PDB file of all heavy atoms in Angstrom:
ATOM      1  N   THR A   1       2.346   6.391   7.259  1.00  0.00           N
ATOM      2  CA  THR A   1       3.125   7.243   8.158  1.00  0.00           C
ATOM      3  C   THR A   1       3.857   6.325   9.135  1.00  0.00           C
ATOM      4  O   THR A   1       3.498   5.147   9.285  1.00  0.00           O
ATOM      5  CB  THR A   1       2.230   8.205   8.960  1.00  0.00           C
ATOM      6  OG1 THR A   1       1.379   7.430   9.825  1.00  0.00           O
ATOM      7  CG2 THR A   1       1.370   9.074   8.047  1.00  0.00           C
ATOM      8  N   THR A   2       4.855   6.873   9.796  1.00  0.00           N
ATOM      9  CA  THR A   2       5.566   6.079  10.796  1.00  0.00           C
ATOM     10  C   THR A   2       4.614   5.564  11.859  1.00  0.00           C
ATOM     11  O   THR A   2       4.663   4.382  12.246  1.00  0.00           O
ATOM     12  CB  THR A   2       6.675   6.926  11.446  1.00  0.00           C
ATOM     13  OG1 THR A   2       7.608   7.330  10.443  1.00  0.00           O
ATOM     14  CG2 THR A   2       7.400   6.142  12.528  1.00  0.00           C
ATOM     15  N   GLU A   3       3.724   6.424  12.318  1.00  0.00           N
ATOM     16  CA  GLU A   3       2.786   6.054  13.382  1.00  0.00           C
ATOM     17  C   GLU A   3       1.897   4.890  12.967  1.00  0.00           C
ATOM     18  O   GLU A   3       1.611   3.988  13.772  1.00  0.00           O
ATOM     19  CB  GLU A   3       1.925   7.268  13.751  1.00  0.00           C
ATOM     20  CG  GLU A   3       0.940   7.002  14.873  1.00  0.00           C
ATOM     21  CD  GLU A   3       0.082   8.218  15.187  1.00  0.00           C
ATOM     22  OE1 GLU A   3       0.124   9.201  14.409  1.00  0.00           O
ATOM     23  OE2 GLU A   3      -0.639   8.189  16.208  1.00  0.00           O
ATOM     24  N   LYS A   4       1.443   4.883  11.707  1.00  0.00           N
ATOM     25  CA  LYS A   4       0.556   3.819  11.236  1.00  0.00           C
ATOM     26  C   LYS A   4       1.327   2.552  10.877  1.00  0.00           C
ATOM     27  O   LYS A   4       0.806   1.436  11.019  1.00  0.00           O
ATOM     28  CB  LYS A   4      -0.231   4.302  10.018  1.00  0.00           C
ATOM     29  CG  LYS A   4      -1.213   5.428  10.308  1.00  0.00           C
ATOM     30  CD  LYS A   4      -1.880   5.913   9.028  1.00  0.00           C
ATOM     31  CE  LYS A   4      -2.855   7.048   9.316  1.00  0.00           C
ATOM     32  NZ  LYS A   4      -3.506   7.552   8.078  1.00  0.00           N
ATOM     33  N   LEU A   5       2.557   2.717  10.404  1.00  0.00           N
ATOM     34  CA  LEU A   5       3.296   1.569   9.900  1.00  0.00           C
ATOM     35  C   LEU A   5       3.902   0.702  10.997  1.00  0.00           C
ATOM     36  O   LEU A   5       3.902  -0.533  10.889  1.00  0.00           O
ATOM     37  CB  LEU A   5       4.402   2.036   8.951  1.00  0.00           C
ATOM     38  CG  LEU A   5       3.957   2.451   7.548  1.00  0.00           C
ATOM     39  CD1 LEU A   5       5.075   3.179   6.827  1.00  0.00           C
ATOM     40  CD2 LEU A   5       3.513   1.231   6.744  1.00  0.00           C
ATOM     41  N   LEU A   6       4.441   1.312  12.041  1.00  0.00           N
ATOM     42  CA  LEU A   6       5.176   0.522  13.028  1.00  0.00           C
ATOM     43  C   LEU A   6       4.344  -0.598  13.643  1.00  0.00           C
ATOM     44  O   LEU A   6       4.813  -1.753  13.716  1.00  0.00           O
ATOM     45  CB  LEU A   6       5.765   1.432  14.104  1.00  0.00           C
ATOM     46  CG  LEU A   6       6.851   2.410  13.624  1.00  0.00           C
ATOM     47  CD1 LEU A   6       7.432   3.177  14.808  1.00  0.00           C
ATOM     48  CD2 LEU A   6       7.959   1.690  12.860  1.00  0.00           C
ATOM     49  N   PRO A   7       3.107  -0.330  14.100  1.00  0.00           N
ATOM     50  CA  PRO A   7       2.327  -1.463  14.635  1.00  0.00           C
ATOM     51  C   PRO A   7       1.953  -2.488  13.570  1.00  0.00           C
ATOM     52  O   PRO A   7       1.856  -3.686  13.861  1.00  0.00           O
ATOM     53  CB  PRO A   7       1.084  -0.792  15.231  1.00  0.00           C
ATOM     54  CG  PRO A   7       1.016   0.565  14.620  1.00  0.00           C
ATOM     55  CD  PRO A   7       2.421   0.960  14.314  1.00  0.00           C
ATOM     56  N   LEU A   8       1.749  -2.041  12.322  1.00  0.00           N
ATOM     57  CA  LEU A   8       1.468  -2.985  11.236  1.00  0.00           C
ATOM     58  C   LEU A   8       2.662  -3.887  10.962  1.00  0.00           C
ATOM     59  O   LEU A   8       2.512  -5.087  10.709  1.00  0.00           O
ATOM     60  CB  LEU A   8       1.103  -2.220   9.957  1.00  0.00           C
ATOM     61  CG  LEU A   8      -0.375  -1.991   9.632  1.00  0.00           C
ATOM     62  CD1 LEU A   8      -0.503  -1.262   8.300  1.00  0.00           C
ATOM     63  CD2 LEU A   8      -1.150  -3.305   9.592  1.00  0.00           C
ATOM     64  N   ILE A   9       3.848  -3.308  10.995  1.00  0.00           N
ATOM     65  CA  ILE A   9       5.070  -4.084  10.773  1.00  0.00           C
ATOM     66  C   ILE A   9       5.199  -5.178  11.825  1.00  0.00           C
ATOM     67  O   ILE A   9       5.477  -6.351  11.509  1.00  0.00           O
ATOM     68  CB  ILE A   9       6.298  -3.156  10.770  1.00  0.00           C
ATOM     69  CG1 ILE A   9       6.283  -2.250   9.538  1.00  0.00           C
ATOM     70  CG2 ILE A   9       7.594  -3.964  10.853  1.00  0.00           C
ATOM     71  CD1 ILE A   9       7.251  -1.087   9.609  1.00  0.00           C
ATOM     72  N   ASP A  10       4.974  -4.820  13.080  1.00  0.00           N
ATOM     73  CA  ASP A  10       5.080  -5.805  14.154  1.00  0.00           C
ATOM     74  C   ASP A  10       4.036  -6.907  13.993  1.00  0.00           C
ATOM     75  O   ASP A  10       4.336  -8.097  14.164  1.00  0.00           O
ATOM     76  CB  ASP A  10       4.920  -5.124  15.508  1.00  0.00           C
ATOM     77  CG  ASP A  10       6.071  -4.180  15.830  1.00  0.00           C
ATOM     78  OD1 ASP A  10       7.134  -4.298  15.181  1.00  0.00           O
ATOM     79  OD2 ASP A  10       5.903  -3.322  16.717  1.00  0.00           O
ATOM     80  N   ALA A  11       2.817  -6.512  13.636  1.00  0.00           N
ATOM     81  CA  ALA A  11       1.742  -7.502  13.494  1.00  0.00           C
ATOM     82  C   ALA A  11       1.983  -8.407  12.294  1.00  0.00           C
ATOM     83  O   ALA A  11       1.731  -9.621  12.354  1.00  0.00           O
ATOM     84  CB  ALA A  11       0.399  -6.791  13.359  1.00  0.00           C
ATOM     85  N   ALA A  12       2.474  -7.847  11.187  1.00  0.00           N
ATOM     86  CA  ALA A  12       2.749  -8.654  10.000  1.00  0.00           C
ATOM     87  C   ALA A  12       3.836  -9.683  10.285  1.00  0.00           C
ATOM     88  O   ALA A  12       3.739 -10.845   9.870  1.00  0.00           O
ATOM     89  CB  ALA A  12       3.154  -7.747   8.837  1.00  0.00           C
ATOM     90  N   ALA A  13       4.872  -9.255  10.993  1.00  0.00           N
ATOM     91  CA  ALA A  13       5.938 -10.195  11.351  1.00  0.00           C
ATOM     92  C   ALA A  13       5.399 -11.301  12.247  1.00  0.00           C
ATOM     93  O   ALA A  13       5.733 -12.484  12.071  1.00  0.00           O
ATOM     94  CB  ALA A  13       7.078  -9.448  12.043  1.00  0.00           C
ATOM     95  N   SER A  14       4.556 -10.926  13.185  1.00  0.00           N
ATOM     96  CA  SER A  14       3.970 -11.908  14.089  1.00  0.00           C
ATOM     97  C   SER A  14       3.109 -12.916  13.344  1.00  0.00           C
ATOM     98  O   SER A  14       3.014 -14.087  13.732  1.00  0.00           O
ATOM     99  CB  SER A  14       3.137 -11.193  15.156  1.00  0.00           C
ATOM    100  OG  SER A  14       2.435 -12.108  15.958  1.00  0.00           O
ATOM    101  N   ALA A  15       2.468 -12.465  12.242  1.00  0.00           N
ATOM    102  CA  ALA A  15       1.604 -13.353  11.467  1.00  0.00           C
ATOM    103  C   ALA A  15       2.380 -14.270  10.537  1.00  0.00           C
ATOM    104  O   ALA A  15       1.807 -15.208   9.978  1.00  0.00           O
ATOM    105  CB  ALA A  15       0.616 -12.520  10.655  1.00  0.00           C
ATOM    106  N   GLY A  16       3.676 -13.992  10.331  1.00  0.00           N
ATOM    107  CA  GLY A  16       4.484 -14.865   9.496  1.00  0.00           C
ATOM    108  C   GLY A  16       4.885 -14.277   8.159  1.00  0.00           C
ATOM    109  O   GLY A  16       5.440 -14.995   7.313  1.00  0.00           O
ATOM    110  N   ALA A  17       4.638 -12.970   7.946  1.00  0.00           N
ATOM    111  CA  ALA A  17       5.060 -12.350   6.690  1.00  0.00           C
ATOM    112  C   ALA A  17       6.582 -12.320   6.603  1.00  0.00           C
ATOM    113  O   ALA A  17       7.282 -12.199   7.613  1.00  0.00           O
ATOM    114  CB  ALA A  17       4.494 -10.941   6.585  1.00  0.00           C
ATOM    115  N   GLU A  18       7.090 -12.413   5.357  1.00  0.00           N
ATOM    116  CA  GLU A  18       8.538 -12.430   5.137  1.00  0.00           C
ATOM    117  C   GLU A  18       9.030 -11.204   4.364  1.00  0.00           C
ATOM    118  O   GLU A  18      10.216 -10.902   4.366  1.00  0.00           O
ATOM    119  CB  GLU A  18       8.911 -13.714   4.393  1.00  0.00           C
ATOM    120  CG  GLU A  18       8.663 -14.946   5.258  1.00  0.00           C
ATOM    121  CD  GLU A  18       8.416 -16.204   4.448  1.00  0.00           C
ATOM    122  OE1 GLU A  18       7.436 -16.234   3.673  1.00  0.00           O
ATOM    123  OE2 GLU A  18       9.196 -17.160   4.597  1.00  0.00           O
ATOM    124  N   TYR A  19       8.139 -10.516   3.694  1.00  0.00           N
ATOM    125  CA  TYR A  19       8.403  -9.241   3.038  1.00  0.00           C
ATOM    126  C   TYR A  19       7.336  -8.259   3.513  1.00  0.00           C
ATOM    127  O   TYR A  19       6.186  -8.652   3.741  1.00  0.00           O
ATOM    128  CB  TYR A  19       8.320  -9.352   1.513  1.00  0.00           C
ATOM    129  CG  TYR A  19       9.544  -9.945   0.844  1.00  0.00           C
ATOM    130  CD1 TYR A  19       9.948 -11.250   1.100  1.00  0.00           C
ATOM    131  CD2 TYR A  19      10.287  -9.197  -0.066  1.00  0.00           C
ATOM    132  CE1 TYR A  19      11.061 -11.801   0.486  1.00  0.00           C
ATOM    133  CE2 TYR A  19      11.407  -9.739  -0.704  1.00  0.00           C
ATOM    134  CZ  TYR A  19      11.780 -11.039  -0.414  1.00  0.00           C
ATOM    135  OH  TYR A  19      12.874 -11.574  -1.033  1.00  0.00           O
ATOM    136  N   PHE A  20       7.722  -6.991   3.646  1.00  0.00           N
ATOM    137  CA  PHE A  20       6.752  -5.948   3.996  1.00  0.00           C
ATOM    138  C   PHE A  20       6.922  -4.816   3.001  1.00  0.00           C
ATOM    139  O   PHE A  20       7.981  -4.165   2.955  1.00  0.00           O
ATOM    140  CB  PHE A  20       6.968  -5.433   5.415  1.00  0.00           C
ATOM    141  CG  PHE A  20       5.869  -4.522   5.911  1.00  0.00           C
ATOM    142  CD1 PHE A  20       4.912  -4.982   6.807  1.00  0.00           C
ATOM    143  CD2 PHE A  20       5.772  -3.195   5.473  1.00  0.00           C
ATOM    144  CE1 PHE A  20       3.894  -4.147   7.262  1.00  0.00           C
ATOM    145  CE2 PHE A  20       4.764  -2.364   5.913  1.00  0.00           C
ATOM    146  CZ  PHE A  20       3.812  -2.834   6.809  1.00  0.00           C
ATOM    147  N   CYS A  21       5.897  -4.585   2.194  1.00  0.00           N
ATOM    148  CA  CYS A  21       5.956  -3.560   1.151  1.00  0.00           C
ATOM    149  C   CYS A  21       5.131  -2.349   1.561  1.00  0.00           C
ATOM    150  O   CYS A  21       3.929  -2.463   1.824  1.00  0.00           O
ATOM    151  CB  CYS A  21       5.440  -4.114  -0.175  1.00  0.00           C
ATOM    152  SG  CYS A  21       5.532  -2.932  -1.546  1.00  0.00           S
ATOM    153  N   ILE A  22       5.790  -1.194   1.632  1.00  0.00           N
ATOM    154  CA  ILE A  22       5.094   0.078   1.839  1.00  0.00           C
ATOM    155  C   ILE A  22       4.603   0.541   0.475  1.00  0.00           C
ATOM    156  O   ILE A  22       5.393   0.783  -0.431  1.00  0.00           O
ATOM    157  CB  ILE A  22       6.030   1.127   2.466  1.00  0.00           C
ATOM    158  CG1 ILE A  22       6.589   0.622   3.796  1.00  0.00           C
ATOM    159  CG2 ILE A  22       5.306   2.450   2.655  1.00  0.00           C
ATOM    160  CD1 ILE A  22       7.684   1.514   4.367  1.00  0.00           C
ATOM    161  N   ASP A  23       3.321   0.662   0.341  1.00  0.00           N
ATOM    162  CA  ASP A  23       2.739   0.970  -0.961  1.00  0.00           C
ATOM    163  C   ASP A  23       2.747   2.476  -1.209  1.00  0.00           C
ATOM    164  O   ASP A  23       3.463   3.237  -0.555  1.00  0.00           O
ATOM    165  CB  ASP A  23       1.327   0.374  -1.059  1.00  0.00           C
ATOM    166  CG  ASP A  23       0.938   0.012  -2.479  1.00  0.00           C
ATOM    167  OD1 ASP A  23       0.527   0.922  -3.226  1.00  0.00           O
ATOM    168  OD2 ASP A  23       1.030  -1.166  -2.853  1.00  0.00           O
ATOM    169  N   THR A  24       1.936   2.913  -2.113  1.00  0.00           N
ATOM    170  CA  THR A  24       1.934   4.288  -2.600  1.00  0.00           C
ATOM    171  C   THR A  24       1.789   5.315  -1.478  1.00  0.00           C
ATOM    172  O   THR A  24       1.136   5.065  -0.471  1.00  0.00           O
ATOM    173  CB  THR A  24       0.814   4.469  -3.636  1.00  0.00           C
ATOM    174  OG1 THR A  24       0.827   5.795  -4.127  1.00  0.00           O
ATOM    175  CG2 THR A  24      -0.550   4.199  -3.030  1.00  0.00           C
ATOM    176  N   GLY A  25       2.402   6.480  -1.687  1.00  0.00           N
ATOM    177  CA  GLY A  25       2.272   7.602  -0.767  1.00  0.00           C
ATOM    178  C   GLY A  25       3.499   7.903   0.056  1.00  0.00           C
ATOM    179  O   GLY A  25       3.574   8.956   0.699  1.00  0.00           O
ATOM    180  N   TRP A  26       4.512   7.027   0.033  1.00  0.00           N
ATOM    181  CA  TRP A  26       5.677   7.220   0.898  1.00  0.00           C
ATOM    182  C   TRP A  26       6.513   8.443   0.502  1.00  0.00           C
ATOM    183  O   TRP A  26       7.315   8.941   1.286  1.00  0.00           O
ATOM    184  CB  TRP A  26       6.562   5.971   0.897  1.00  0.00           C
ATOM    185  CG  TRP A  26       7.055   5.548  -0.461  1.00  0.00           C
ATOM    186  CD1 TRP A  26       6.450   4.672  -1.300  1.00  0.00           C
ATOM    187  CD2 TRP A  26       8.245   5.984  -1.121  1.00  0.00           C
ATOM    188  NE1 TRP A  26       7.180   4.520  -2.455  1.00  0.00           N
ATOM    189  CE2 TRP A  26       8.299   5.317  -2.367  1.00  0.00           C
ATOM    190  CE3 TRP A  26       9.281   6.859  -0.796  1.00  0.00           C
ATOM    191  CZ2 TRP A  26       9.326   5.509  -3.282  1.00  0.00           C
ATOM    192  CZ3 TRP A  26      10.315   7.058  -1.699  1.00  0.00           C
ATOM    193  CH2 TRP A  26      10.326   6.381  -2.921  1.00  0.00           C
ATOM    194  N   TYR A  27       6.316   8.958  -0.700  1.00  0.00           N
ATOM    195  CA  TYR A  27       7.048  10.111  -1.248  1.00  0.00           C
ATOM    196  C   TYR A  27       6.223  11.395  -1.162  1.00  0.00           C
ATOM    197  O   TYR A  27       6.672  12.448  -1.624  1.00  0.00           O
ATOM    198  CB  TYR A  27       7.333   9.834  -2.738  1.00  0.00           C
ATOM    199  CG  TYR A  27       6.105   9.251  -3.385  1.00  0.00           C
ATOM    200  CD1 TYR A  27       5.060  10.066  -3.800  1.00  0.00           C
ATOM    201  CD2 TYR A  27       5.936   7.879  -3.463  1.00  0.00           C
ATOM    202  CE1 TYR A  27       3.890   9.532  -4.292  1.00  0.00           C
ATOM    203  CE2 TYR A  27       4.778   7.335  -3.961  1.00  0.00           C
ATOM    204  CZ  TYR A  27       3.758   8.166  -4.375  1.00  0.00           C
ATOM    205  OH  TYR A  27       2.581   7.629  -4.840  1.00  0.00           O
ATOM    206  N   ASP A  28       5.022  11.334  -0.606  1.00  0.00           N
ATOM    207  CA  ASP A  28       4.038  12.421  -0.735  1.00  0.00           C
ATOM    208  C   ASP A  28       4.306  13.536   0.264  1.00  0.00           C
ATOM    209  O   ASP A  28       4.015  13.407   1.447  1.00  0.00           O
ATOM    210  CB  ASP A  28       2.631  11.854  -0.535  1.00  0.00           C
ATOM    211  CG  ASP A  28       1.552  12.919  -0.657  1.00  0.00           C
ATOM    212  OD1 ASP A  28       1.847  13.988  -1.217  1.00  0.00           O
ATOM    213  OD2 ASP A  28       0.422  12.674  -0.203  1.00  0.00           O
ATOM    214  N   ASP A  29       4.830  14.668  -0.252  1.00  0.00           N
ATOM    215  CA  ASP A  29       5.037  15.865   0.559  1.00  0.00           C
ATOM    216  C   ASP A  29       4.363  17.076  -0.077  1.00  0.00           C
ATOM    217  O   ASP A  29       4.631  18.206   0.318  1.00  0.00           O
ATOM    218  CB  ASP A  29       6.543  16.155   0.702  1.00  0.00           C
ATOM    219  CG  ASP A  29       7.061  15.766   2.081  1.00  0.00           C
ATOM    220  OD1 ASP A  29       6.241  15.625   3.001  1.00  0.00           O
ATOM    221  OD2 ASP A  29       8.279  15.584   2.217  1.00  0.00           O
ATOM    222  N   ASP A  30       3.522  16.849  -1.068  1.00  0.00           N
ATOM    223  CA  ASP A  30       2.952  17.951  -1.850  1.00  0.00           C
ATOM    224  C   ASP A  30       1.565  18.289  -1.325  1.00  0.00           C
ATOM    225  O   ASP A  30       0.657  17.453  -1.336  1.00  0.00           O
ATOM    226  CB  ASP A  30       2.875  17.552  -3.327  1.00  0.00           C
ATOM    227  CG  ASP A  30       2.688  18.748  -4.243  1.00  0.00           C
ATOM    228  OD1 ASP A  30       1.798  19.557  -3.961  1.00  0.00           O
ATOM    229  OD2 ASP A  30       3.439  18.857  -5.233  1.00  0.00           O
ATOM    230  N   ALA A  31       1.401  19.534  -0.865  1.00  0.00           N
ATOM    231  CA  ALA A  31       0.122  19.962  -0.309  1.00  0.00           C
ATOM    232  C   ALA A  31      -0.993  19.906  -1.341  1.00  0.00           C
ATOM    233  O   ALA A  31      -2.170  19.770  -0.998  1.00  0.00           O
ATOM    234  CB  ALA A  31       0.245  21.386   0.254  1.00  0.00           C
ATOM    235  N   ALA A  32      -0.656  19.997  -2.622  1.00  0.00           N
ATOM    236  CA  ALA A  32      -1.662  19.967  -3.686  1.00  0.00           C
ATOM    237  C   ALA A  32      -1.951  18.553  -4.166  1.00  0.00           C
ATOM    238  O   ALA A  32      -2.715  18.363  -5.106  1.00  0.00           O
ATOM    239  CB  ALA A  32      -1.203  20.832  -4.866  1.00  0.00           C
ATOM    240  N   GLY A  33      -1.328  17.547  -3.543  1.00  0.00           N
ATOM    241  CA  GLY A  33      -1.563  16.164  -3.932  1.00  0.00           C
ATOM    242  C   GLY A  33      -0.441  15.615  -4.776  1.00  0.00           C
ATOM    243  O   GLY A  33       0.208  16.336  -5.532  1.00  0.00           O
ATOM    244  N   TRP A  34      -0.226  14.296  -4.673  1.00  0.00           N
ATOM    245  CA  TRP A  34       0.945  13.683  -5.292  1.00  0.00           C
ATOM    246  C   TRP A  34       0.688  13.168  -6.697  1.00  0.00           C
ATOM    247  O   TRP A  34       1.626  12.872  -7.434  1.00  0.00           O
ATOM    248  CB  TRP A  34       1.481  12.556  -4.420  1.00  0.00           C
ATOM    249  CG  TRP A  34       0.498  11.450  -4.114  1.00  0.00           C
ATOM    250  CD1 TRP A  34      -0.264  11.327  -2.987  1.00  0.00           C
ATOM    251  CD2 TRP A  34       0.193  10.314  -4.935  1.00  0.00           C
ATOM    252  NE1 TRP A  34      -1.033  10.197  -3.045  1.00  0.00           N
ATOM    253  CE2 TRP A  34      -0.777   9.549  -4.243  1.00  0.00           C
ATOM    254  CE3 TRP A  34       0.619   9.863  -6.177  1.00  0.00           C
ATOM    255  CZ2 TRP A  34      -1.311   8.365  -4.747  1.00  0.00           C
ATOM    256  CZ3 TRP A  34       0.087   8.689  -6.696  1.00  0.00           C
ATOM    257  CH2 TRP A  34      -0.871   7.955  -5.982  1.00  0.00           C
ATOM    258  N   TRP A  35      -0.564  13.025  -7.105  1.00  0.00           N
ATOM    259  CA  TRP A  35      -0.847  12.336  -8.361  1.00  0.00           C
ATOM    260  C   TRP A  35      -0.110  12.957  -9.547  1.00  0.00           C
ATOM    261  O   TRP A  35       0.475  12.245 -10.359  1.00  0.00           O
ATOM    262  CB  TRP A  35      -2.354  12.318  -8.606  1.00  0.00           C
ATOM    263  CG  TRP A  35      -2.728  11.645  -9.895  1.00  0.00           C
ATOM    264  CD1 TRP A  35      -2.967  12.228 -11.101  1.00  0.00           C
ATOM    265  CD2 TRP A  35      -2.866  10.235 -10.109  1.00  0.00           C
ATOM    266  NE1 TRP A  35      -3.257  11.294 -12.054  1.00  0.00           N
ATOM    267  CE2 TRP A  35      -3.207  10.049 -11.473  1.00  0.00           C
ATOM    268  CE3 TRP A  35      -2.747   9.103  -9.289  1.00  0.00           C
ATOM    269  CZ2 TRP A  35      -3.423   8.781 -12.024  1.00  0.00           C
ATOM    270  CZ3 TRP A  35      -2.972   7.849  -9.850  1.00  0.00           C
ATOM    271  CH2 TRP A  35      -3.304   7.707 -11.206  1.00  0.00           C
ATOM    272  N   ASP A  36      -0.162  14.274  -9.665  1.00  0.00           N
ATOM    273  CA  ASP A  36       0.463  14.924 -10.818  1.00  0.00           C
ATOM    274  C   ASP A  36       1.800  15.575 -10.463  1.00  0.00           C
ATOM    275  O   ASP A  36       2.301  16.421 -11.203  1.00  0.00           O
ATOM    276  CB  ASP A  36      -0.475  15.956 -11.446  1.00  0.00           C
ATOM    277  CG  ASP A  36      -0.903  17.039 -10.475  1.00  0.00           C
ATOM    278  OD1 ASP A  36      -0.511  16.979  -9.293  1.00  0.00           O
ATOM    279  OD2 ASP A  36      -1.636  17.951 -10.895  1.00  0.00           O
TER     280      ASP A  36
END
């Protein structure tokens, strides 16, 4: 979520990361679950 990602992004940059990949779930709007 935006709330969880923003502080992680700042911390990753501070640690020296050069790419930041948002993994699974960024498309998930389905109340019944995204798997199927």
